[in-house]
Amino acid sequence: MTKHILITGAAGAIGSALCEKFSMLYPHAHLTLIDINETALQKKTSALSGKAGYAVWDLFKPESLATQWQSVTDAHGPVDILVNC
């Protein structure tokens, strides 16, 4: 079964580095990258060669949590690893 790894703050320096690291550690996993910077998310997703998708999600808006979480898990299954940067 494919692991689903969700990384928040994925467009920042630490989050971006963790995307690369988890991509290497779990070569068959799907990564979901979360941030508010869509341009950076697009670049990072492209650099991961089809192993990742992204969602523009402002974690400072808790009212969107349930909807966004449902959308991500509907698309890629339950989250196995959550990294919050």
N, C-alpha and C. Protein backbone atom coordinates (compact mmCIF):
# COMPACT_ATOMS: atom_id res chain seq x y z
N MET A 1 0.84 -1.18 0.00
CA MET A 1 0.00 0.00 0.00
C MET A 1 0.89 1.25 0.00
N THR A 2 0.53 2.23 -0.78
CA THR A 2 1.28 3.46 -0.88
C THR A 2 1.06 4.33 0.35
N LYS A 3 2.14 4.82 0.91
CA LYS A 3 2.03 5.75 2.04
C LYS A 3 1.63 7.13 1.53
N HIS A 4 0.91 7.85 2.36
CA HIS A 4 0.52 9.23 2.07
C HIS A 4 1.18 10.12 3.11
N ILE A 5 2.04 11.01 2.65
CA ILE A 5 2.78 11.90 3.53
C ILE A 5 2.31 13.33 3.25
N LEU A 6 1.87 14.03 4.29
CA LEU A 6 1.40 15.41 4.16
C LEU A 6 2.40 16.32 4.87
N ILE A 7 2.89 17.33 4.15
CA ILE A 7 3.88 18.25 4.70
C ILE A 7 3.33 19.67 4.61
N THR A 8 3.13 20.29 5.78
CA THR A 8 2.69 21.68 5.79
C THR A 8 3.92 22.58 5.76
N GLY A 9 3.73 23.80 5.28
CA GLY A 9 4.87 24.72 5.16
C GLY A 9 5.86 24.25 4.11
N ALA A 10 5.37 23.51 3.13
CA ALA A 10 6.23 22.86 2.15
C ALA A 10 6.96 23.83 1.23
N ALA A 11 6.52 25.07 1.15
CA ALA A 11 7.18 26.03 0.28
C ALA A 11 8.33 26.75 0.97
N GLY A 12 8.43 26.61 2.29
CA GLY A 12 9.53 27.24 3.03
C GLY A 12 10.80 26.40 2.93
N ALA A 13 11.87 26.94 3.46
CA ALA A 13 13.17 26.27 3.36
C ALA A 13 13.18 24.90 4.05
N ILE A 14 12.70 24.84 5.27
CA ILE A 14 12.71 23.57 6.00
C ILE A 14 11.71 22.59 5.40
N GLY A 15 10.50 23.07 5.12
CA GLY A 15 9.49 22.20 4.52
C GLY A 15 9.93 21.65 3.17
N SER A 16 10.54 22.50 2.37
CA SER A 16 11.02 22.07 1.05
C SER A 16 12.10 21.01 1.18
N ALA A 17 13.02 21.21 2.11
CA ALA A 17 14.08 20.22 2.33
C ALA A 17 13.50 18.90 2.81
N LEU A 18 12.47 18.97 3.67
CA LEU A 18 11.84 17.75 4.15
C LEU A 18 11.09 17.02 3.04
N CYS A 19 10.54 17.77 2.10
CA CYS A 19 9.90 17.14 0.94
C CYS A 19 10.90 16.28 0.19
N GLU A 20 12.07 16.84 -0.03
CA GLU A 20 13.13 16.10 -0.74
C GLU A 20 13.54 14.86 0.06
N LYS A 21 13.73 15.02 1.36
CA LYS A 21 14.17 13.92 2.21
C LYS A 21 13.12 12.79 2.25
N PHE A 22 11.86 13.14 2.48
CA PHE A 22 10.82 12.12 2.52
C PHE A 22 10.63 11.45 1.16
N SER A 23 10.84 12.20 0.10
CA SER A 23 10.76 11.63 -1.24
C SER A 23 11.82 10.54 -1.43
N MET A 24 12.99 10.78 -0.88
CA MET A 24 14.07 9.78 -0.98
C MET A 24 13.83 8.60 -0.03
N LEU A 25 13.36 8.89 1.19
CA LEU A 25 13.15 7.84 2.19
C LEU A 25 11.99 6.91 1.82
N TYR A 26 10.98 7.48 1.17
CA TYR A 26 9.77 6.73 0.79
C TYR A 26 9.53 6.91 -0.72
N PRO A 27 10.31 6.22 -1.53
CA PRO A 27 10.24 6.46 -2.98
C PRO A 27 8.89 6.13 -3.62
N HIS A 28 8.06 5.33 -2.97
CA HIS A 28 6.77 4.97 -3.56
C HIS A 28 5.61 5.71 -2.90
N ALA A 29 5.92 6.62 -1.99
CA ALA A 29 4.87 7.35 -1.28
C ALA A 29 4.34 8.50 -2.13
N HIS A 30 3.12 8.91 -1.80
CA HIS A 30 2.57 10.14 -2.39
C HIS A 30 2.73 11.24 -1.35
N LEU A 31 3.31 12.36 -1.77
CA LEU A 31 3.45 13.51 -0.89
C LEU A 31 2.40 14.55 -1.24
N THR A 32 1.73 15.06 -0.22
CA THR A 32 0.82 16.19 -0.39
C THR A 32 1.49 17.39 0.27
N LEU A 33 1.76 18.40 -0.53
CA LEU A 33 2.45 19.59 -0.06
C LEU A 33 1.43 20.68 0.23
N ILE A 34 1.54 21.30 1.40
CA ILE A 34 0.59 22.31 1.84
C ILE A 34 1.33 23.62 2.10
N ASP A 35 0.80 24.70 1.57
CA ASP A 35 1.35 26.04 1.85
C ASP A 35 0.38 27.06 1.25
N ILE A 36 0.66 28.33 1.47
CA ILE A 36 -0.15 29.39 0.86
C ILE A 36 0.50 29.94 -0.40
N ASN A 37 1.75 29.55 -0.66
CA ASN A 37 2.49 30.05 -1.82
C ASN A 37 2.34 29.06 -2.98
N GLU A 38 1.33 29.28 -3.80
CA GLU A 38 1.04 28.34 -4.88
C GLU A 38 2.17 28.23 -5.90
N THR A 39 2.81 29.33 -6.22
CA THR A 39 3.90 29.30 -7.20
C THR A 39 5.03 28.39 -6.72
N ALA A 40 5.41 28.53 -5.46
CA ALA A 40 6.46 27.68 -4.90
C ALA A 40 6.02 26.22 -4.83
N LEU A 41 4.76 25.99 -4.49
CA LEU A 41 4.25 24.62 -4.46
C LEU A 41 4.28 23.97 -5.83
N GLN A 42 3.93 24.72 -6.85
CA GLN A 42 3.97 24.19 -8.22
C GLN A 42 5.39 23.80 -8.60
N LYS A 43 6.36 24.65 -8.27
CA LYS A 43 7.76 24.35 -8.59
C LYS A 43 8.25 23.12 -7.84
N LYS A 44 7.93 23.03 -6.55
CA LYS A 44 8.37 21.89 -5.75
C LYS A 44 7.71 20.61 -6.23
N THR A 45 6.42 20.67 -6.53
CA THR A 45 5.71 19.49 -7.02
C THR A 45 6.31 19.01 -8.34
N SER A 46 6.61 19.94 -9.22
CA SER A 46 7.23 19.60 -10.50
C SER A 46 8.60 18.97 -10.29
N ALA A 47 9.37 19.50 -9.36
CA ALA A 47 10.71 18.97 -9.09
C ALA A 47 10.66 17.55 -8.53
N LEU A 48 9.55 17.17 -7.91
CA LEU A 48 9.43 15.83 -7.35
C LEU A 48 8.92 14.81 -8.37
N SER A 49 8.84 15.21 -9.61
CA SER A 49 8.57 14.30 -10.74
C SER A 49 7.35 13.40 -10.57
N GLY A 50 6.22 14.01 -10.28
CA GLY A 50 4.98 13.24 -10.24
C GLY A 50 4.73 12.48 -8.95
N LYS A 51 5.61 12.61 -7.97
CA LYS A 51 5.42 11.91 -6.70
C LYS A 51 4.61 12.72 -5.70
N ALA A 52 4.25 13.94 -6.10
CA ALA A 52 3.59 14.84 -5.15
C ALA A 52 2.46 15.61 -5.79
N GLY A 53 1.55 16.03 -4.95
CA GLY A 53 0.51 16.96 -5.32
C GLY A 53 0.52 18.06 -4.28
N TYR A 54 -0.27 19.08 -4.49
CA TYR A 54 -0.28 20.16 -3.51
C TYR A 54 -1.68 20.70 -3.31
N ALA A 55 -1.82 21.41 -2.20
CA ALA A 55 -3.06 22.12 -1.90
C ALA A 55 -2.68 23.46 -1.28
N VAL A 56 -3.27 24.51 -1.82
CA VAL A 56 -3.08 25.84 -1.24
C VAL A 56 -4.02 25.91 -0.05
N TRP A 57 -3.43 26.06 1.13
CA TRP A 57 -4.20 25.93 2.35
C TRP A 57 -3.59 26.84 3.41
N ASP A 58 -4.36 27.76 3.91
CA ASP A 58 -3.91 28.68 4.95
C ASP A 58 -4.27 28.09 6.30
N LEU A 59 -3.28 27.57 6.99
CA LEU A 59 -3.53 26.92 8.28
C LEU A 59 -3.93 27.90 9.38
N PHE A 60 -3.81 29.19 9.11
CA PHE A 60 -4.26 30.20 10.07
C PHE A 60 -5.77 30.43 9.98
N LYS A 61 -6.43 29.69 9.10
CA LYS A 61 -7.88 29.77 8.98
C LYS A 61 -8.47 28.41 9.38
N PRO A 62 -8.65 28.20 10.67
CA PRO A 62 -9.09 26.89 11.15
C PRO A 62 -10.46 26.47 10.63
N GLU A 63 -11.27 27.44 10.19
CA GLU A 63 -12.60 27.08 9.67
C GLU A 63 -12.51 26.25 8.39
N SER A 64 -11.35 26.26 7.74
CA SER A 64 -11.20 25.48 6.50
C SER A 64 -10.60 24.10 6.75
N LEU A 65 -10.23 23.81 7.97
CA LEU A 65 -9.54 22.56 8.27
C LEU A 65 -10.31 21.32 7.83
N ALA A 66 -11.55 21.19 8.25
CA ALA A 66 -12.33 19.98 7.95
C ALA A 66 -12.49 19.78 6.44
N THR A 67 -12.82 20.84 5.74
CA THR A 67 -13.02 20.74 4.29
C THR A 67 -11.73 20.39 3.56
N GLN A 68 -10.67 21.07 3.90
CA GLN A 68 -9.38 20.82 3.23
C GLN A 68 -8.88 19.41 3.54
N TRP A 69 -8.97 19.02 4.81
CA TRP A 69 -8.52 17.68 5.20
C TRP A 69 -9.30 16.61 4.43
N GLN A 70 -10.60 16.77 4.35
CA GLN A 70 -11.44 15.81 3.64
C GLN A 70 -11.05 15.73 2.16
N SER A 71 -10.80 16.88 1.57
CA SER A 71 -10.40 16.92 0.16
C SER A 71 -9.10 16.16 -0.08
N VAL A 72 -8.13 16.38 0.78
CA VAL A 72 -6.82 15.73 0.65
C VAL A 72 -6.93 14.22 0.86
N THR A 73 -7.66 13.81 1.88
CA THR A 73 -7.78 12.37 2.15
C THR A 73 -8.68 11.67 1.14
N ASP A 74 -9.66 12.36 0.60
CA ASP A 74 -10.47 11.77 -0.46
C ASP A 74 -9.62 11.50 -1.70
N ALA A 75 -8.72 12.42 -1.99
CA ALA A 75 -7.89 12.30 -3.20
C ALA A 75 -6.78 11.26 -3.07
N HIS A 76 -6.19 11.13 -1.87
CA HIS A 76 -4.99 10.30 -1.75
C HIS A 76 -5.02 9.31 -0.60
N GLY A 77 -6.14 9.18 0.06
CA GLY A 77 -6.26 8.23 1.16
C GLY A 77 -5.81 8.83 2.47
N PRO A 78 -5.93 8.07 3.53
CA PRO A 78 -5.58 8.57 4.85
C PRO A 78 -4.10 8.97 4.92
N VAL A 79 -3.82 9.93 5.76
CA VAL A 79 -2.45 10.40 5.93
C VAL A 79 -1.72 9.47 6.88
N ASP A 80 -0.59 8.95 6.42
CA ASP A 80 0.23 8.05 7.25
C ASP A 80 1.27 8.81 8.04
N ILE A 81 1.80 9.88 7.44
CA ILE A 81 2.83 10.68 8.10
C ILE A 81 2.46 12.15 7.91
N LEU A 82 2.42 12.89 9.01
CA LEU A 82 2.11 14.32 8.97
C LEU A 82 3.32 15.08 9.50
N VAL A 83 3.82 16.02 8.69
CA VAL A 83 4.96 16.84 9.08
C VAL A 83 4.48 18.28 9.06
N ASN A 84 4.59 18.96 10.20
CA ASN A 84 4.13 20.33 10.30
C ASN A 84 5.34 21.27 10.45
N CYS A 85 5.59 22.06 9.43
CA CYS A 85 6.74 22.99 9.45
C CYS A 85 6.27 24.41 9.62
